[in-house]
C-alpha atoms as a PDB file:
ATOM      1  CA  MET A   1     -19.270 143.423  37.520  1.00  0.00           C
ATOM      2  CA  ASP A   2     -18.124 144.169  41.017  1.00  0.00           C
ATOM      3  CA  ARG A   3     -19.657 147.629  40.494  1.00  0.00           C
ATOM      4  CA  GLY A   4     -23.129 146.047  39.847  1.00  0.00           C
ATOM      5  CA  TYR A   5     -23.099 146.012  36.096  1.00  0.00           C
ATOM      6  CA  PRO A   6     -24.901 143.068  34.560  1.00  0.00           C
ATOM      7  CA  SER A   7     -22.556 140.430  33.001  1.00  0.00           C
ATOM      8  CA  ASP A   8     -23.577 140.916  29.343  1.00  0.00           C
ATOM      9  CA  SER A   9     -23.368 144.813  29.695  1.00  0.00           C
ATOM     10  CA  ALA A  10     -19.972 144.652  31.343  1.00  0.00           C
ATOM     11  CA  VAL A  11     -18.474 142.255  28.739  1.00  0.00           C
ATOM     12  CA  ARG A  12     -20.024 144.186  25.795  1.00  0.00           C
ATOM     13  CA  PHE A  13     -18.604 147.609  27.191  1.00  0.00           C
ATOM     14  CA  VAL A  14     -15.101 146.377  27.854  1.00  0.00           C
ATOM     15  CA  SER A  15     -14.990 144.306  24.500  1.00  0.00           C
ATOM     16  CA  ASP A  16     -16.237 147.336  22.502  1.00  0.00           C
ATOM     17  CA  HIS A  17     -13.733 149.633  24.163  1.00  0.00           C
ATOM     18  CA  HIS A  18     -10.821 147.172  23.243  1.00  0.00           C
ATOM     19  CA  ARG A  19     -12.355 146.066  19.931  1.00  0.00           C
ATOM     20  CA  LEU A  20     -12.253 142.448  20.851  1.00  0.00           C
ATOM     21  CA  PRO A  21     -13.380 139.975  18.215  1.00  0.00           C
ATOM     22  CA  GLU A  22     -16.414 137.787  18.848  1.00  0.00           C
ATOM     23  CA  VAL A  23     -14.404 134.688  19.914  1.00  0.00           C
ATOM     24  CA  LYS A  24     -12.663 136.667  22.780  1.00  0.00           C
ATOM     25  CA  ARG A  25     -15.930 138.138  23.832  1.00  0.00           C
ATOM     26  CA  PHE A  26     -17.316 134.769  24.257  1.00  0.00           C
ATOM     27  CA  ILE A  27     -14.363 133.563  26.204  1.00  0.00           C
ATOM     28  CA  LEU A  28     -14.965 136.569  28.567  1.00  0.00           C
ATOM     29  CA  ARG A  29     -18.593 135.604  28.991  1.00  0.00           C
ATOM     30  CA  ARG A  30     -17.500 132.144  29.934  1.00  0.00           C
ATOM     31  CA  VAL A  31     -14.728 133.017  32.351  1.00  0.00           C
ATOM     32  CA  ILE A  32     -15.406 136.277  34.132  1.00  0.00           C
ATOM     33  CA  VAL A  33     -17.879 136.528  37.099  1.00  0.00           C
ATOM     34  CA  SER A  34     -18.242 139.012  39.974  1.00  0.00           C
ATOM     35  CA  ALA A  35     -16.191 138.388  43.087  1.00  0.00           C
ATOM     36  CA  ASP A  36     -19.318 137.769  45.097  1.00  0.00           C
ATOM     37  CA  THR A  37     -20.571 135.125  42.712  1.00  0.00           C
ATOM     38  CA  ALA A  38     -17.075 133.551  42.435  1.00  0.00           C
ATOM     39  CA  LEU A  39     -16.825 133.235  46.297  1.00  0.00           C
ATOM     40  CA  ALA A  40     -20.272 131.749  46.640  1.00  0.00           C
ATOM     41  CA  ARG A  41     -19.536 129.199  43.954  1.00  0.00           C
ATOM     42  CA  MET A  42     -16.185 128.283  45.507  1.00  0.00           C
ATOM     43  CA  ALA A  43     -17.940 127.620  48.793  1.00  0.00           C
ATOM     44  CA  LYS A  44     -19.995 125.033  47.177  1.00  0.00           C
ATOM     45  CA  ALA A  45     -17.146 123.287  45.369  1.00  0.00           C
ATOM     46  CA  THR A  46     -16.239 119.801  46.570  1.00  0.00           C
ATOM     47  CA  ARG A  47     -13.513 117.439  45.657  1.00  0.00           C
ATOM     48  CA  LEU A  48     -13.538 113.791  44.442  1.00  0.00           C
ATOM     49  CA  HIS A  49     -12.967 112.239  47.993  1.00  0.00           C
ATOM     50  CA  SER A  50     -16.192 113.805  49.202  1.00  0.00           C
ATOM     51  CA  LEU A  51     -18.221 111.605  46.914  1.00  0.00           C
ATOM     52  CA  LEU A  52     -17.707 108.492  48.886  1.00  0.00           C
ATOM     53  CA  GLY A  53     -21.067 106.993  49.755  1.00  0.00           C
ATOM     54  CA  LYS A  54     -22.908 109.954  48.209  1.00  0.00           C
ATOM     55  CA  VAL A  55     -25.418 110.422  45.516  1.00  0.00           C
ATOM     56  CA  VAL A  56     -24.100 112.258  42.579  1.00  0.00           C
ATOM     57  CA  PHE A  57     -26.054 113.804  39.594  1.00  0.00           C
ATOM     58  CA  VAL A  58     -23.934 114.448  36.499  1.00  0.00           C
ATOM     59  CA  ASP A  59     -24.889 117.184  33.888  1.00  0.00           C
ATOM     60  CA  GLY A  60     -23.873 114.841  31.122  1.00  0.00           C
ATOM     61  CA  TYR A  61     -23.160 116.931  28.054  1.00  0.00           C
ATOM     62  CA  ASN A  62     -21.772 119.849  30.063  1.00  0.00           C
ATOM     63  CA  THR A  63     -19.361 117.603  31.720  1.00  0.00           C
ATOM     64  CA  ALA A  64     -18.436 115.504  28.748  1.00  0.00           C
ATOM     65  CA  ILE A  65     -17.775 118.333  26.409  1.00  0.00           C
ATOM     66  CA  THR A  66     -15.393 120.151  28.849  1.00  0.00           C
ATOM     67  CA  ALA A  67     -13.650 116.826  29.595  1.00  0.00           C
ATOM     68  CA  HIS A  68     -13.122 115.892  25.911  1.00  0.00           C
ATOM     69  CA  SER A  69     -11.850 119.494  25.165  1.00  0.00           C
ATOM     70  CA  LEU A  70      -9.381 119.084  27.989  1.00  0.00           C
ATOM     71  CA  LEU A  71      -8.178 115.611  26.866  1.00  0.00           C
ATOM     72  CA  ALA A  72      -8.057 116.551  23.055  1.00  0.00           C
ATOM     73  CA  GLY A  73      -6.039 119.753  23.766  1.00  0.00           C
ATOM     74  CA  HIS A  74      -8.788 122.218  22.903  1.00  0.00           C
ATOM     75  CA  PRO A  75      -8.931 125.528  24.911  1.00  0.00           C
ATOM     76  CA  VAL A  76     -10.217 125.073  28.381  1.00  0.00           C
ATOM     77  CA  TYR A  77     -10.117 127.985  30.880  1.00  0.00           C
ATOM     78  CA  PHE A  78      -9.707 128.257  34.580  1.00  0.00           C
ATOM     79  CA  CYS A  79     -12.606 130.581  35.492  1.00  0.00           C
ATOM     80  CA  ASP A  80     -12.993 133.261  38.195  1.00  0.00           C
ATOM     81  CA  ASP A  81     -15.113 130.798  40.237  1.00  0.00           C
ATOM     82  CA  GLY A  82     -12.533 128.031  40.152  1.00  0.00           C
ATOM     83  CA  PHE A  83     -14.365 125.746  37.652  1.00  0.00           C
ATOM     84  CA  LEU A  84     -13.145 124.807  34.184  1.00  0.00           C
ATOM     85  CA  ARG A  85     -15.070 125.821  31.144  1.00  0.00           C
ATOM     86  CA  ASP A  86     -14.401 125.333  27.353  1.00  0.00           C
ATOM     87  CA  THR A  87     -15.679 127.398  24.521  1.00  0.00           C
ATOM     88  CA  ARG A  88     -17.326 124.472  22.492  1.00  0.00           C
ATOM     89  CA  ALA A  89     -21.098 124.228  22.657  1.00  0.00           C
ATOM     90  CA  PHE A  90     -22.223 121.061  21.244  1.00  0.00           C
ATOM     91  CA  PHE A  91     -21.201 117.730  19.697  1.00  0.00           C
ATOM     92  CA  ARG A  92     -22.100 118.309  16.092  1.00  0.00           C
ATOM     93  CA  ARG A  93     -20.247 115.919  13.688  1.00  0.00           C
ATOM     94  CA  SER A  94     -21.179 112.289  12.723  1.00  0.00           C
ATOM     95  CA  GLY A  95     -18.429 110.918  15.127  1.00  0.00           C
ATOM     96  CA  ASP A  96     -19.742 112.793  18.013  1.00  0.00           C
ATOM     97  CA  LEU A  97     -21.284 109.772  19.866  1.00  0.00           C
ATOM     98  CA  HIS A  98     -17.828 108.183  19.853  1.00  0.00           C
ATOM     99  CA  VAL A  99     -16.202 111.448  21.023  1.00  0.00           C
ATOM    100  CA  ALA A 100     -18.775 111.639  23.925  1.00  0.00           C
ATOM    101  CA  ALA A 101     -18.065 107.998  24.817  1.00  0.00           C
ATOM    102  CA  ILE A 102     -14.377 108.634  25.065  1.00  0.00           C
ATOM    103  CA  ALA A 103     -15.075 111.535  27.383  1.00  0.00           C
ATOM    104  CA  PHE A 104     -17.483 109.504  29.518  1.00  0.00           C
ATOM    105  CA  SER A 105     -14.890 106.751  29.895  1.00  0.00           C
ATOM    106  CA  GLU A 106     -12.535 109.085  31.661  1.00  0.00           C
ATOM    107  CA  ILE A 107     -15.420 110.596  33.756  1.00  0.00           C
ATOM    108  CA  LEU A 108     -16.700 107.226  34.832  1.00  0.00           C
ATOM    109  CA  ASP A 109     -13.194 105.873  35.724  1.00  0.00           C
ATOM    110  CA  LEU A 110     -12.927 108.921  37.968  1.00  0.00           C
ATOM    111  CA  LEU A 111     -16.387 108.419  39.652  1.00  0.00           C
ATOM    112  CA  ALA A 112     -15.704 104.812  40.136  1.00  0.00           C
ATOM    113  CA  SER A 113     -12.467 105.564  41.981  1.00  0.00           C
ATOM    114  CA  ALA A 114     -14.605 107.741  44.428  1.00  0.00           C
ATOM    115  CA  ARG A 115     -17.075 105.023  45.220  1.00  0.00           C
ATOM    116  CA  PRO A 116     -20.273 107.029  45.460  1.00  0.00           C
ATOM    117  CA  LEU A 117     -23.512 105.460  46.565  1.00  0.00           C
ATOM    118  CA  HIS A 118     -25.365 106.217  43.306  1.00  0.00           C
ATOM    119  CA  VAL A 119     -24.626 108.191  40.091  1.00  0.00           C
ATOM    120  CA  GLN A 120     -27.402 109.650  37.878  1.00  0.00           C
ATOM    121  CA  VAL A 121     -26.055 110.760  34.493  1.00  0.00           C
ATOM    122  CA  LEU A 122     -28.711 113.082  32.807  1.00  0.00           C
ATOM    123  CA  LEU A 123     -28.446 113.849  28.993  1.00  0.00           C
ATOM    124  CA  ASP A 124     -30.367 116.466  27.174  1.00  0.00           C
ATOM    125  CA  GLN A 125     -33.053 114.606  25.175  1.00  0.00           C
ATOM    126  CA  GLN A 126     -33.048 117.306  22.486  1.00  0.00           C
ATOM    127  CA  ILE A 127     -29.628 116.540  21.308  1.00  0.00           C
ATOM    128  CA  SER A 128     -29.454 113.893  18.567  1.00  0.00           C
ATOM    129  CA  ARG A 129     -28.490 110.307  19.574  1.00  0.00           C
ATOM    130  CA  SER A 130     -28.787 111.027  23.213  1.00  0.00           C
ATOM    131  CA  GLY A 131     -30.587 107.824  23.751  1.00  0.00           C
ATOM    132  CA  GLU A 132     -27.732 105.827  22.127  1.00  0.00           C
ATOM    133  CA  LEU A 133     -25.314 107.654  24.243  1.00  0.00           C
ATOM    134  CA  ALA A 134     -27.207 106.905  27.434  1.00  0.00           C
ATOM    135  CA  GLY A 135     -27.312 103.253  26.571  1.00  0.00           C
ATOM    136  CA  GLU A 136     -23.500 103.288  26.079  1.00  0.00           C
ATOM    137  CA  VAL A 137     -22.930 105.191  29.328  1.00  0.00           C
ATOM    138  CA  ARG A 138     -25.104 102.414  31.166  1.00  0.00           C
ATOM    139  CA  ARG A 139     -22.966  99.749  29.729  1.00  0.00           C
ATOM    140  CA  MET A 140     -19.759 101.527  30.807  1.00  0.00           C
ATOM    141  CA  MET A 141     -21.168 102.114  34.269  1.00  0.00           C
ATOM    142  CA  ALA A 142     -22.062  98.278  34.623  1.00  0.00           C
ATOM    143  CA  ALA A 143     -18.488  97.441  33.386  1.00  0.00           C
ATOM    144  CA  ARG A 144     -17.080  99.540  36.237  1.00  0.00           C
ATOM    145  CA  CYS A 145     -19.596  98.225  38.867  1.00  0.00           C
ATOM    146  CA  LEU A 146     -20.613 101.924  39.256  1.00  0.00           C
ATOM    147  CA  PRO A 147     -24.200 101.930  40.777  1.00  0.00           C
ATOM    148  CA  GLY A 148     -26.648 104.230  39.120  1.00  0.00           C
ATOM    149  CA  GLU A 149     -28.080 104.956  35.737  1.00  0.00           C
ATOM    150  CA  ALA A 150     -27.862 107.136  32.646  1.00  0.00           C
ATOM    151  CA  ARG A 151     -31.034 108.553  31.063  1.00  0.00           C
ATOM    152  CA  CYS A 152     -32.439 111.362  28.815  1.00  0.00           C
ATOM    153  CA  ALA A 153     -34.556 114.195  29.999  1.00  0.00           C
ATOM    154  CA  ARG A 154     -35.942 117.474  28.521  1.00  0.00           C
ATOM    155  CA  ASN A 155     -35.361 119.503  31.597  1.00  0.00           C
ATOM    156  CA  VAL A 156     -31.912 118.441  32.715  1.00  0.00           C
ATOM    157  CA  ASP A 157     -31.119 121.759  34.432  1.00  0.00           C
ATOM    158  CA  GLN A 158     -34.304 121.751  36.420  1.00  0.00           C
ATOM    159  CA  LEU A 159     -33.867 118.138  37.519  1.00  0.00           C
ATOM    160  CA  ILE A 160     -30.298 118.807  38.739  1.00  0.00           C
ATOM    161  CA  LYS A 161     -31.262 121.876  40.538  1.00  0.00           C
ATOM    162  CA  ALA A 162     -34.030 120.080  42.409  1.00  0.00           C
ATOM    163  CA  CYS A 163     -32.064 116.926  43.187  1.00  0.00           C
ATOM    164  CA  GLY A 164     -30.626 118.025  46.565  1.00  0.00           C
ATOM    165  CA  CYS A 165     -27.498 116.035  45.869  1.00  0.00           C
ATOM    166  CA  ILE A 166     -23.888 116.658  44.784  1.00  0.00           C
ATOM    167  CA  ILE A 167     -23.919 117.805  41.203  1.00  0.00           C
ATOM    168  CA  ALA A 168     -21.141 117.539  38.596  1.00  0.00           C
ATOM    169  CA  THR A 169     -21.381 120.573  36.311  1.00  0.00           C
ATOM    170  CA  SER A 170     -19.740 123.828  35.435  1.00  0.00           C
ATOM    171  CA  ASP A 171     -22.957 125.553  34.395  1.00  0.00           C
ATOM    172  CA  GLY A 172     -22.954 128.679  36.632  1.00  0.00           C
ATOM    173  CA  ASN A 173     -26.735 129.014  36.839  1.00  0.00           C
ATOM    174  CA  VAL A 174     -27.024 125.454  38.009  1.00  0.00           C
ATOM    175  CA  ILE A 175     -24.198 125.820  40.559  1.00  0.00           C
ATOM    176  CA  ASP A 176     -25.889 128.929  42.004  1.00  0.00           C
ATOM    177  CA  ALA A 177     -29.045 127.029  42.565  1.00  0.00           C
ATOM    178  CA  THR A 178     -27.578 124.050  44.288  1.00  0.00           C
ATOM    179  CA  ALA A 179     -25.784 123.175  47.566  1.00  0.00           C
ATOM    180  CA  ALA A 180     -22.673 121.402  46.375  1.00  0.00           C
ATOM    181  CA  ALA A 181     -20.975 120.950  43.003  1.00  0.00           C
ATOM    182  CA  ILE A 182     -17.910 119.050  41.734  1.00  0.00           C
ATOM    183  CA  ASP A 183     -15.869 119.982  38.655  1.00  0.00           C
ATOM    184  CA  LEU A 184     -14.983 116.649  37.180  1.00  0.00           C
ATOM    185  CA  PRO A 185     -12.901 118.053  34.297  1.00  0.00           C
ATOM    186  CA  GLY A 186     -10.918 119.950  37.035  1.00  0.00           C
ATOM    187  CA  GLU A 187     -10.349 116.693  38.682  1.00  0.00           C
ATOM    188  CA  ILE A 188      -9.174 115.084  35.424  1.00  0.00           C
ATOM    189  CA  ALA A 189      -6.939 118.024  34.781  1.00  0.00           C
ATOM    190  CA  ARG A 190      -5.219 117.551  38.284  1.00  0.00           C
ATOM    191  CA  ARG A 191      -5.016 113.850  37.867  1.00  0.00           C
ATOM    192  CA  ARG A 192      -3.310 114.181  34.367  1.00  0.00           C
ATOM    193  CA  CYS A 193      -1.293 117.198  35.251  1.00  0.00           C
ATOM    194  CA  ILE A 194      -3.034 119.241  32.359  1.00  0.00           C
ATOM    195  CA  ARG A 195      -2.853 123.044  33.004  1.00  0.00           C
ATOM    196  CA  PRO A 196      -5.883 124.931  31.830  1.00  0.00           C
ATOM    197  CA  LEU A 197      -5.669 128.375  30.278  1.00  0.00           C
ATOM    198  CA  LEU A 198      -5.767 131.604  32.255  1.00  0.00           C
ATOM    199  CA  ILE A 199      -6.845 135.088  30.866  1.00  0.00           C
END
């Protein structure tokens, strides 16, 4: 990648050369970025104490899935750009709403401790039961006296990119388009002394 090859082509070439199975190819696609991209994203990374009195937009499913993977002991990787990413794509099973609520409980505890001015949690409307989850997140925020709201939207990435605020996500494309980002699962890992995987 540092020689200018596109990400997909570079991963495919290396994976084919080493005959890697599909699961390891997917991990490489999630973890590896060019040095220039990594440095640019690291420069945008902010820590929990920086949220005091600020407006924060949370990429809901992106953050919750990674946080739950971390807490449940599923593989979570420390990526080249300093953000944590897992290899799970969606909440799929019937208990997924409960799983998401568990992850959000940890995320909201963390945010409440940082005392932001306002928190906007955005959930992808296209994912089943997102409306129910948004309602549960609103209740959890109220219980923590955390100012803000949770809502569903069809264009979460676009809304976050345009918000002009600190964003909580590990989505590389979103981080590239914004000025400041926080890795909340990374903050959870530090607080709980959980060590993510390295490749």
